[in-house]
Amino acid sequence: MPLTMARAGEVTSIKRVGGKDEVRRHLENMGFVPGTDVTVVSVNHGNVIVNVKEARVAISKEMANKILI
């Protein structure tokens, strides 16, 4: 399921990152790599704030939909 479906406070593991090559590289540079644990901090109108690799990152709904957990 996409990251946008996770609830706040839920710890999940990234299974796959989709999208075009440049989008995947951008997400991987931010720490969204398959096998990495992410914690959803909050979801606001589909936009997601997560903790990934000891950093807090905000991503849009479109980007979050490309991250499968």
C-alpha atoms as a PDB file:
ATOM      1  CA  MET A   1       0.000   0.000   0.000  1.00  0.00           C
ATOM      2  CA  PRO A   2       1.190   3.584  -0.528  1.00  0.00           C
ATOM      3  CA  LEU A   3       2.691   5.615   2.315  1.00  0.00           C
ATOM      4  CA  THR A   4      -0.351   7.920   2.301  1.00  0.00           C
ATOM      5  CA  MET A   5      -2.429   5.054   3.749  1.00  0.00           C
ATOM      6  CA  ALA A   6      -0.305   4.758   6.919  1.00  0.00           C
ATOM      7  CA  ARG A   7      -1.586   6.269  10.167  1.00  0.00           C
ATOM      8  CA  ALA A   8       0.265   8.790  12.295  1.00  0.00           C
ATOM      9  CA  GLY A   9       2.609   7.082  14.753  1.00  0.00           C
ATOM     10  CA  GLU A  10       2.796   3.914  12.660  1.00  0.00           C
ATOM     11  CA  VAL A  11       6.248   2.477  11.954  1.00  0.00           C
ATOM     12  CA  THR A  12       6.455   0.768   8.559  1.00  0.00           C
ATOM     13  CA  SER A  13       9.132  -0.556   6.248  1.00  0.00           C
ATOM     14  CA  ILE A  14       9.585   0.626   2.667  1.00  0.00           C
ATOM     15  CA  LYS A  15       8.985  -2.199   0.184  1.00  0.00           C
ATOM     16  CA  ARG A  16       9.447  -0.354  -3.116  1.00  0.00           C
ATOM     17  CA  VAL A  17       9.879   3.152  -4.514  1.00  0.00           C
ATOM     18  CA  GLY A  18       8.121   3.773  -7.829  1.00  0.00           C
ATOM     19  CA  GLY A  19       8.031   6.578 -10.359  1.00  0.00           C
ATOM     20  CA  LYS A  20      10.397   7.866 -13.010  1.00  0.00           C
ATOM     21  CA  ASP A  21      14.148   7.453 -12.558  1.00  0.00           C
ATOM     22  CA  GLU A  22      14.676  11.065 -11.483  1.00  0.00           C
ATOM     23  CA  VAL A  23      11.862  10.844  -8.907  1.00  0.00           C
ATOM     24  CA  ARG A  24      13.226   7.580  -7.497  1.00  0.00           C
ATOM     25  CA  ARG A  25      16.735   9.057  -7.239  1.00  0.00           C
ATOM     26  CA  HIS A  26      15.379  12.147  -5.461  1.00  0.00           C
ATOM     27  CA  LEU A  27      13.464  10.024  -2.939  1.00  0.00           C
ATOM     28  CA  GLU A  28      16.473   7.732  -2.412  1.00  0.00           C
ATOM     29  CA  ASN A  29      18.687  10.777  -1.764  1.00  0.00           C
ATOM     30  CA  MET A  30      16.238  11.823   0.965  1.00  0.00           C
ATOM     31  CA  GLY A  31      16.549   8.358   2.571  1.00  0.00           C
ATOM     32  CA  PHE A  32      13.550   6.527   1.107  1.00  0.00           C
ATOM     33  CA  VAL A  33      15.320   3.271   0.247  1.00  0.00           C
ATOM     34  CA  PRO A  34      13.658  -0.187   0.226  1.00  0.00           C
ATOM     35  CA  GLY A  35      14.137  -1.927   3.574  1.00  0.00           C
ATOM     36  CA  THR A  36      14.322   1.321   5.544  1.00  0.00           C
ATOM     37  CA  ASP A  37      11.909   1.883   8.446  1.00  0.00           C
ATOM     38  CA  VAL A  38       9.813   5.046   8.349  1.00  0.00           C
ATOM     39  CA  THR A  39       7.601   6.501  11.057  1.00  0.00           C
ATOM     40  CA  VAL A  40       4.632   8.596  10.004  1.00  0.00           C
ATOM     41  CA  VAL A  41       4.523  11.745  12.147  1.00  0.00           C
ATOM     42  CA  SER A  42       1.397  13.308  10.633  1.00  0.00           C
ATOM     43  CA  VAL A  43      -0.826  13.280   7.565  1.00  0.00           C
ATOM     44  CA  ASN A  44      -2.457  16.533   6.459  1.00  0.00           C
ATOM     45  CA  HIS A  45      -4.729  16.429   3.374  1.00  0.00           C
ATOM     46  CA  GLY A  46      -2.621  13.563   2.010  1.00  0.00           C
ATOM     47  CA  ASN A  47       0.711  15.341   2.547  1.00  0.00           C
ATOM     48  CA  VAL A  48       2.927  13.330   4.873  1.00  0.00           C
ATOM     49  CA  ILE A  49       5.579  14.169   7.465  1.00  0.00           C
ATOM     50  CA  VAL A  50       7.782  11.177   8.281  1.00  0.00           C
ATOM     51  CA  ASN A  51      10.884  10.303  10.256  1.00  0.00           C
ATOM     52  CA  VAL A  52      13.326   8.456   8.028  1.00  0.00           C
ATOM     53  CA  LYS A  53      16.951   7.726   8.954  1.00  0.00           C
ATOM     54  CA  GLU A  54      16.873  10.072  11.964  1.00  0.00           C
ATOM     55  CA  ALA A  55      15.533  12.995   9.893  1.00  0.00           C
ATOM     56  CA  ARG A  56      12.067  14.507   9.666  1.00  0.00           C
ATOM     57  CA  VAL A  57      10.949  14.934   6.053  1.00  0.00           C
ATOM     58  CA  ALA A  58       7.754  16.408   4.582  1.00  0.00           C
ATOM     59  CA  ILE A  59       6.635  15.069   1.206  1.00  0.00           C
ATOM     60  CA  SER A  60       3.643  15.758  -0.998  1.00  0.00           C
ATOM     61  CA  LYS A  61       0.776  13.370  -1.533  1.00  0.00           C
ATOM     62  CA  GLU A  62       2.009  12.598  -5.056  1.00  0.00           C
ATOM     63  CA  MET A  63       5.490  11.660  -3.810  1.00  0.00           C
ATOM     64  CA  ALA A  64       4.096   9.649  -0.886  1.00  0.00           C
ATOM     65  CA  ASN A  65       1.935   7.629  -3.275  1.00  0.00           C
ATOM     66  CA  LYS A  66       5.123   6.465  -5.066  1.00  0.00           C
ATOM     67  CA  ILE A  67       6.512   4.961  -1.818  1.00  0.00           C
ATOM     68  CA  LEU A  68       5.031   1.526  -1.168  1.00  0.00           C
ATOM     69  CA  ILE A  69       5.070   0.058   2.348  1.00  0.00           C
END
